[in-house]
C-alpha atoms as a PDB file:
ATOM      1  CA  MET A   1      53.931  21.042  77.648  1.00  0.00           C
ATOM      2  CA  LYS A   2      50.619  20.320  75.872  1.00  0.00           C
ATOM      3  CA  SER A   3      49.525  23.951  76.136  1.00  0.00           C
ATOM      4  CA  MET A   4      52.864  25.137  74.731  1.00  0.00           C
ATOM      5  CA  LEU A   5      52.508  22.763  71.750  1.00  0.00           C
ATOM      6  CA  ALA A   6      48.943  23.928  71.197  1.00  0.00           C
ATOM      7  CA  SER A   7      50.066  27.576  71.290  1.00  0.00           C
ATOM      8  CA  MET A   8      52.834  26.876  68.785  1.00  0.00           C
ATOM      9  CA  ALA A   9      50.346  25.153  66.476  1.00  0.00           C
ATOM     10  CA  VAL A  10      48.031  28.184  66.604  1.00  0.00           C
ATOM     11  CA  VAL A  11      50.914  30.575  65.851  1.00  0.00           C
ATOM     12  CA  LEU A  12      52.172  28.453  62.942  1.00  0.00           C
ATOM     13  CA  THR A  13      48.678  28.111  61.502  1.00  0.00           C
ATOM     14  CA  SER A  14      47.967  31.820  61.685  1.00  0.00           C
ATOM     15  CA  CYS A  15      51.364  32.675  60.167  1.00  0.00           C
ATOM     16  CA  SER A  16      50.833  30.348  57.213  1.00  0.00           C
ATOM     17  CA  ALA A  17      47.412  31.764  56.227  1.00  0.00           C
ATOM     18  CA  PRO A  18      48.680  35.069  54.771  1.00  0.00           C
ATOM     19  CA  ALA A  19      51.304  33.213  52.721  1.00  0.00           C
ATOM     20  CA  ALA A  20      48.638  30.932  51.254  1.00  0.00           C
ATOM     21  CA  ALA A  21      46.519  33.937  50.253  1.00  0.00           C
ATOM     22  CA  ALA A  22      49.499  35.594  48.582  1.00  0.00           C
ATOM     23  CA  ASP A  23      50.330  32.394  46.687  1.00  0.00           C
ATOM     24  CA  PHE A  24      47.056  32.253  44.715  1.00  0.00           C
ATOM     25  CA  PRO A  25      47.956  33.321  41.153  1.00  0.00           C
ATOM     26  CA  LYS A  26      46.394  36.492  39.735  1.00  0.00           C
ATOM     27  CA  THR A  27      45.899  34.718  36.397  1.00  0.00           C
ATOM     28  CA  GLY A  28      45.910  31.078  35.539  1.00  0.00           C
ATOM     29  CA  SER A  29      44.125  27.945  34.541  1.00  0.00           C
ATOM     30  CA  ALA A  30      43.199  24.736  36.308  1.00  0.00           C
ATOM     31  CA  GLU A  31      41.217  21.587  35.681  1.00  0.00           C
ATOM     32  CA  TYR A  32      39.120  20.281  38.540  1.00  0.00           C
ATOM     33  CA  ASP A  33      36.283  17.846  39.165  1.00  0.00           C
ATOM     34  CA  THR A  34      33.335  18.574  41.412  1.00  0.00           C
ATOM     35  CA  TYR A  35      31.424  15.689  42.947  1.00  0.00           C
ATOM     36  CA  TYR A  36      27.818  16.844  43.481  1.00  0.00           C
ATOM     37  CA  VAL A  37      24.759  15.318  45.101  1.00  0.00           C
ATOM     38  CA  ASP A  38      21.516  16.970  43.964  1.00  0.00           C
ATOM     39  CA  ASN A  39      18.444  17.463  46.105  1.00  0.00           C
ATOM     40  CA  THR A  40      15.371  18.452  44.079  1.00  0.00           C
ATOM     41  CA  LEU A  41      13.364  20.943  46.131  1.00  0.00           C
ATOM     42  CA  ALA A  42      10.438  21.378  43.734  1.00  0.00           C
ATOM     43  CA  LYS A  43       9.352  19.957  40.401  1.00  0.00           C
ATOM     44  CA  ILE A  44       6.537  20.790  37.987  1.00  0.00           C
ATOM     45  CA  ASP A  45       5.263  18.895  34.947  1.00  0.00           C
ATOM     46  CA  SER A  46       2.755  20.336  32.484  1.00  0.00           C
ATOM     47  CA  GLY A  47       2.786  17.386  30.107  1.00  0.00           C
ATOM     48  CA  ALA A  48       4.502  19.638  27.546  1.00  0.00           C
ATOM     49  CA  GLY A  49       7.526  20.432  29.690  1.00  0.00           C
ATOM     50  CA  THR A  50       9.017  19.968  33.136  1.00  0.00           C
ATOM     51  CA  GLY A  51      11.047  22.157  35.452  1.00  0.00           C
ATOM     52  CA  GLY A  52      12.662  22.005  38.840  1.00  0.00           C
ATOM     53  CA  ILE A  53      14.579  23.818  41.543  1.00  0.00           C
ATOM     54  CA  VAL A  54      17.637  21.968  42.886  1.00  0.00           C
ATOM     55  CA  ASP A  55      19.901  22.487  45.910  1.00  0.00           C
ATOM     56  CA  THR A  56      23.192  20.702  45.294  1.00  0.00           C
ATOM     57  CA  THR A  57      26.298  20.271  47.407  1.00  0.00           C
ATOM     58  CA  GLY A  58      29.711  18.877  46.648  1.00  0.00           C
ATOM     59  CA  ILE A  59      33.474  19.017  46.850  1.00  0.00           C
ATOM     60  CA  THR A  60      36.116  19.915  44.276  1.00  0.00           C
ATOM     61  CA  ARG A  61      39.369  18.144  43.536  1.00  0.00           C
ATOM     62  CA  ASN A  62      42.034  19.602  41.256  1.00  0.00           C
ATOM     63  CA  VAL A  63      42.868  16.780  38.802  1.00  0.00           C
ATOM     64  CA  LYS A  64      46.566  17.186  39.723  1.00  0.00           C
ATOM     65  CA  GLY A  65      45.710  16.608  43.389  1.00  0.00           C
ATOM     66  CA  GLU A  66      46.873  20.069  44.435  1.00  0.00           C
ATOM     67  CA  GLY A  67      46.742  23.676  43.358  1.00  0.00           C
ATOM     68  CA  PRO A  68      43.871  26.051  42.574  1.00  0.00           C
ATOM     69  CA  PHE A  69      40.318  24.869  43.230  1.00  0.00           C
ATOM     70  CA  ASN A  70      41.443  21.820  45.215  1.00  0.00           C
ATOM     71  CA  ASP A  71      39.515  20.670  48.297  1.00  0.00           C
ATOM     72  CA  MET A  72      36.755  23.280  48.143  1.00  0.00           C
ATOM     73  CA  SER A  73      33.211  22.756  49.360  1.00  0.00           C
ATOM     74  CA  VAL A  74      30.467  23.818  46.957  1.00  0.00           C
ATOM     75  CA  ARG A  75      26.806  24.705  47.311  1.00  0.00           C
ATOM     76  CA  CYS A  76      24.620  25.613  44.353  1.00  0.00           C
ATOM     77  CA  LEU A  77      21.017  26.473  43.667  1.00  0.00           C
ATOM     78  CA  TYR A  78      19.737  26.034  40.145  1.00  0.00           C
ATOM     79  CA  HIS A  79      16.690  25.847  37.938  1.00  0.00           C
ATOM     80  CA  TRP A  80      16.322  23.312  35.149  1.00  0.00           C
ATOM     81  CA  ASN A  81      13.673  22.968  32.489  1.00  0.00           C
ATOM     82  CA  SER A  82      13.101  20.383  29.831  1.00  0.00           C
ATOM     83  CA  VAL A  83      10.908  20.537  26.741  1.00  0.00           C
ATOM     84  CA  GLY A  84      11.176  17.522  24.461  1.00  0.00           C
ATOM     85  CA  GLU A  85      14.854  16.579  24.209  1.00  0.00           C
ATOM     86  CA  THR A  86      16.108  20.064  25.189  1.00  0.00           C
ATOM     87  CA  LEU A  87      17.381  20.615  28.735  1.00  0.00           C
ATOM     88  CA  HIS A  88      18.371  24.026  30.094  1.00  0.00           C
ATOM     89  CA  LEU A  89      20.181  24.873  33.361  1.00  0.00           C
ATOM     90  CA  ASN A  90      20.717  28.194  35.103  1.00  0.00           C
ATOM     91  CA  GLY A  91      22.077  28.751  38.599  1.00  0.00           C
ATOM     92  CA  SER A  92      24.642  30.065  41.031  1.00  0.00           C
ATOM     93  CA  CYS A  93      27.203  28.542  43.395  1.00  0.00           C
ATOM     94  CA  VAL A  94      29.484  29.410  46.288  1.00  0.00           C
ATOM     95  CA  GLU A  95      32.796  27.518  46.425  1.00  0.00           C
ATOM     96  CA  THR A  96      34.606  27.774  49.780  1.00  0.00           C
ATOM     97  CA  ASP A  97      38.228  26.817  50.463  1.00  0.00           C
ATOM     98  CA  LYS A  98      39.929  25.648  53.671  1.00  0.00           C
ATOM     99  CA  ASP A  99      40.733  29.253  54.652  1.00  0.00           C
ATOM    100  CA  GLY A 100      37.047  30.242  54.459  1.00  0.00           C
ATOM    101  CA  ASP A 101      37.562  32.352  51.319  1.00  0.00           C
ATOM    102  CA  ASN A 102      34.925  31.844  48.652  1.00  0.00           C
ATOM    103  CA  VAL A 103      34.213  32.250  44.959  1.00  0.00           C
ATOM    104  CA  PHE A 104      30.746  33.149  43.664  1.00  0.00           C
ATOM    105  CA  THR A 105      29.865  31.622  40.294  1.00  0.00           C
ATOM    106  CA  THR A 106      26.880  31.569  38.014  1.00  0.00           C
ATOM    107  CA  PHE A 107      26.267  29.005  35.312  1.00  0.00           C
ATOM    108  CA  ASP A 108      24.206  28.140  32.281  1.00  0.00           C
ATOM    109  CA  ASP A 109      24.084  25.150  29.903  1.00  0.00           C
ATOM    110  CA  LYS A 110      27.710  25.544  28.795  1.00  0.00           C
ATOM    111  CA  ASN A 111      29.842  27.416  31.339  1.00  0.00           C
ATOM    112  CA  HIS A 112      30.345  28.471  34.915  1.00  0.00           C
ATOM    113  CA  TYR A 113      31.283  32.139  35.234  1.00  0.00           C
ATOM    114  CA  LEU A 114      33.578  33.328  38.033  1.00  0.00           C
ATOM    115  CA  MET A 115      31.850  36.478  39.284  1.00  0.00           C
ATOM    116  CA  GLY A 116      33.931  37.497  42.314  1.00  0.00           C
ATOM    117  CA  GLY A 117      34.962  36.304  45.702  1.00  0.00           C
ATOM    118  CA  THR A 118      36.328  37.049  49.132  1.00  0.00           C
ATOM    119  CA  GLY A 119      39.873  37.000  50.510  1.00  0.00           C
ATOM    120  CA  LYS A 120      42.368  35.707  47.958  1.00  0.00           C
ATOM    121  CA  TYR A 121      39.599  35.496  45.311  1.00  0.00           C
ATOM    122  CA  LYS A 122      38.445  39.122  45.572  1.00  0.00           C
ATOM    123  CA  GLY A 123      38.042  40.465  42.031  1.00  0.00           C
ATOM    124  CA  ILE A 124      38.222  37.025  40.338  1.00  0.00           C
ATOM    125  CA  THR A 125      36.566  36.694  36.933  1.00  0.00           C
ATOM    126  CA  GLY A 126      36.677  34.007  34.320  1.00  0.00           C
ATOM    127  CA  THR A 127      34.876  31.447  32.220  1.00  0.00           C
ATOM    128  CA  VAL A 128      34.796  27.761  33.090  1.00  0.00           C
ATOM    129  CA  PRO A 129      33.532  25.308  30.451  1.00  0.00           C
ATOM    130  CA  TYR A 130      32.255  22.103  32.020  1.00  0.00           C
ATOM    131  CA  THR A 131      31.063  18.589  31.202  1.00  0.00           C
ATOM    132  CA  VAL A 132      28.764  16.412  33.319  1.00  0.00           C
ATOM    133  CA  VAL A 133      29.013  12.673  33.965  1.00  0.00           C
ATOM    134  CA  GLU A 134      25.993  11.161  35.712  1.00  0.00           C
ATOM    135  CA  LEU A 135      26.987   8.584  38.307  1.00  0.00           C
ATOM    136  CA  HIS A 136      23.992   7.009  40.012  1.00  0.00           C
ATOM    137  CA  GLU A 137      20.996   7.611  42.184  1.00  0.00           C
ATOM    138  CA  ALA A 138      21.963   8.416  45.756  1.00  0.00           C
ATOM    139  CA  VAL A 139      20.072   7.925  49.028  1.00  0.00           C
ATOM    140  CA  GLY A 140      16.602   9.456  49.091  1.00  0.00           C
ATOM    141  CA  GLY A 141      16.199   9.626  45.308  1.00  0.00           C
ATOM    142  CA  ARG A 142      18.969  12.192  44.920  1.00  0.00           C
ATOM    143  CA  SER A 143      21.282  12.025  41.936  1.00  0.00           C
ATOM    144  CA  ALA A 144      25.089  12.052  42.022  1.00  0.00           C
ATOM    145  CA  VAL A 145      27.229  13.539  39.246  1.00  0.00           C
ATOM    146  CA  ILE A 146      30.837  14.487  38.527  1.00  0.00           C
ATOM    147  CA  VAL A 147      31.359  17.791  36.736  1.00  0.00           C
ATOM    148  CA  ASN A 148      34.733  18.388  35.075  1.00  0.00           C
ATOM    149  CA  HIS A 149      35.717  22.078  34.912  1.00  0.00           C
ATOM    150  CA  LYS A 150      38.444  23.736  32.840  1.00  0.00           C
ATOM    151  CA  ALA A 151      38.886  27.137  34.479  1.00  0.00           C
ATOM    152  CA  THR A 152      40.768  30.213  33.335  1.00  0.00           C
ATOM    153  CA  TRP A 153      40.721  33.298  35.556  1.00  0.00           C
ATOM    154  CA  GLU A 154      42.044  36.733  36.247  1.00  0.00           C
ATOM    155  CA  ILE A 155      42.025  38.684  39.493  1.00  0.00           C
ATOM    156  CA  LYS A 156      41.926  42.454  39.087  1.00  0.00           C
END
């Protein structure tokens, strides 16, 4: 009986995956928050300016609790530099959903840019303005932040 239930669960799971991929809209918009924890890999300080390389990981939550960009894992690598009061960021991220499909993004001081993806996200492009809210220092001197994203996209 247990093996029959397990087999049915596998069949139902595999049957639902293609429907989920087909349900992702070809165009749209979504607002989502990403909760990141940063791990600074290297830092330099010349006295006139500082810079660093950061490996950050996190999860996304659509602000509606469902829909596009909900429950995705995220990993980013980025470079920051600061001279006086001016801070600049530049990096790239991979966002992966529960099906294993991913979106590759790049970002600068103002926006994330959807550059393509796999599976249901193949051909995705778009611009994603974002704002950062610093939370607190995390274990090991890492910092924790929430980044709010307002995405618009198109899949060609």
